[in-house]
Structures are given as structure tokens and as C-alpha cells.
Amino acid sequence: MEIPKKIKIGGIIYRIDQSEELADADGICRSRDSVIKICKTIPQDTKEMVLFHEILEAGCSPLGETETGHSLLDMISKLFYQVLKDNDLLK
């Protein structure tokens, strides 16, 4: 799967930047300026999984996501990615 340059989430267009390095993270979502950043030096499979995580985070951000919620988003994004990957749904 190619990482897109932008994606619409909840009616808002997020810019997706691939950065050399992120401080202690493979990806971040900044809802205040509609940006998702993904570390471009990580493996492609990891980039795809991180993108799913950040999409979920962007979608849940207006709901007041907490650290407990963040852990749940991490589990859901990994499961979602695995299902798509193992069933050849990523094209």
C-alpha cells in the first residue's frame, strides 16, 4: 500500500508527512493543524500499521481520547491492519 499525501477523516483533510525521525514515536497525529507524521525510516509494513493507528486517533480525537483510549486504539489498529494484510485487502 502506498502511503497517501493526504486523507479525509471525519470531513477534515489531513496532510500526511513522512519525516526522517520523530521523537520517540513511529507516528503522530496533530489534530489542531490536521497533520499526520510517519517516520519514513521504518519498514513499510510498520508505516501502514502506524497510518491506521493515526487515522483512528484523528477520528477519535474530538471525543477526548485518553491514554487508556490510546492503548485501545493501538490494539484496534494492529488488529485491523492484520486482517487487511492477511486477506490481501491492501492494494
Protein backbone atom coordinates (compact mmCIF):
# COMPACT_ATOMS: atom_id res chain seq x y z
CA MET A 1 0.00 0.00 0.00
CA GLU A 2 1.31 3.42 -0.90
CA ILE A 3 1.14 5.98 1.92
CA PRO A 4 -1.03 8.85 0.60
CA LYS A 5 -0.05 12.51 0.85
CA LYS A 6 -3.46 13.42 2.29
CA ILE A 7 -6.56 11.71 3.63
CA LYS A 8 -10.03 12.87 4.65
CA ILE A 9 -11.05 11.84 8.18
CA GLY A 10 -14.35 12.96 9.67
CA GLY A 11 -14.75 15.59 6.97
CA ILE A 12 -11.30 17.09 7.61
CA ILE A 13 -8.39 16.73 5.19
CA TYR A 14 -5.21 15.66 6.97
CA ARG A 15 -1.82 16.12 5.35
CA ILE A 16 0.43 13.07 5.73
CA ASP A 17 4.14 13.81 6.06
CA GLN A 18 6.87 11.22 6.14
CA SER A 19 9.66 12.60 8.31
CA GLU A 20 13.21 11.40 8.85
CA GLU A 21 12.80 10.94 12.57
CA LEU A 22 10.16 11.54 15.20
CA ALA A 23 10.95 11.91 18.89
CA ASP A 24 10.26 8.50 20.50
CA ALA A 25 7.40 7.60 18.11
CA ASP A 26 6.80 5.98 14.75
CA GLY A 27 3.92 8.34 14.07
CA ILE A 28 1.96 11.26 15.49
CA CYS A 29 -1.38 12.89 14.82
CA ARG A 30 -1.77 16.64 15.32
CA SER A 31 -5.47 17.39 15.03
CA ARG A 32 -5.02 21.10 15.71
CA ASP A 33 -3.30 21.57 12.34
CA SER A 34 -4.61 18.42 10.58
CA VAL A 35 -1.25 16.69 10.15
CA ILE A 36 -0.24 13.06 10.48
CA LYS A 37 3.50 12.39 10.59
CA ILE A 38 5.01 8.98 9.96
CA CYS A 39 8.69 8.10 10.33
CA LYS A 40 9.95 7.34 6.84
CA THR A 41 12.84 5.14 8.00
CA ILE A 42 10.65 2.39 9.48
CA PRO A 43 9.68 -0.71 7.45
CA GLN A 44 6.77 -0.38 5.00
CA ASP A 45 4.54 -2.78 6.97
CA THR A 46 5.08 -0.70 10.09
CA LYS A 47 4.29 2.53 8.20
CA GLU A 48 0.98 1.07 7.07
CA MET A 49 0.07 -0.08 10.58
CA VAL A 50 1.08 3.31 12.04
CA LEU A 51 -1.10 5.06 9.45
CA PHE A 52 -4.14 3.02 10.56
CA HIS A 53 -3.38 3.92 14.17
CA GLU A 54 -3.10 7.63 13.38
CA ILE A 55 -6.33 7.56 11.33
CA LEU A 56 -8.17 6.08 14.32
CA GLU A 57 -6.57 8.66 16.60
CA ALA A 58 -7.65 11.51 14.31
CA GLY A 59 -11.18 10.15 14.20
CA CYS A 60 -11.39 9.76 17.96
CA SER A 61 -9.59 12.98 18.86
CA PRO A 62 -12.76 15.10 19.07
CA LEU A 63 -14.14 12.58 21.58
CA GLY A 64 -11.45 13.42 24.16
CA GLU A 65 -9.28 10.32 23.80
CA THR A 66 -7.20 9.49 26.91
CA GLU A 67 -4.11 7.33 27.48
CA THR A 68 -6.38 4.37 28.17
CA GLY A 69 -8.16 5.15 24.92
CA HIS A 70 -4.81 5.43 23.16
CA SER A 71 -3.89 1.88 24.18
CA LEU A 72 -7.23 0.66 22.85
CA LEU A 73 -6.64 2.50 19.55
CA ASP A 74 -3.25 0.81 19.30
CA MET A 75 -4.77 -2.66 19.73
CA ILE A 76 -7.59 -1.97 17.26
CA SER A 77 -5.26 -0.55 14.61
CA LYS A 78 -2.93 -3.58 14.83
CA LEU A 79 -5.86 -5.98 14.53
CA PHE A 80 -7.40 -4.01 11.64
CA TYR A 81 -4.08 -3.92 9.80
CA GLN A 82 -3.51 -7.66 10.31
CA VAL A 83 -6.95 -8.54 8.91
CA LEU A 84 -6.45 -6.34 5.84
CA LYS A 85 -2.92 -7.63 5.22
CA ASP A 86 -3.65 -11.33 5.75
CA ASN A 87 -6.70 -11.23 3.49
CA ASP A 88 -4.94 -9.36 0.65
CA LEU A 89 -7.20 -6.32 1.03
CA LEU A 90 -4.32 -3.83 0.82
CA LYS A 91 -3.73 -2.97 -2.80
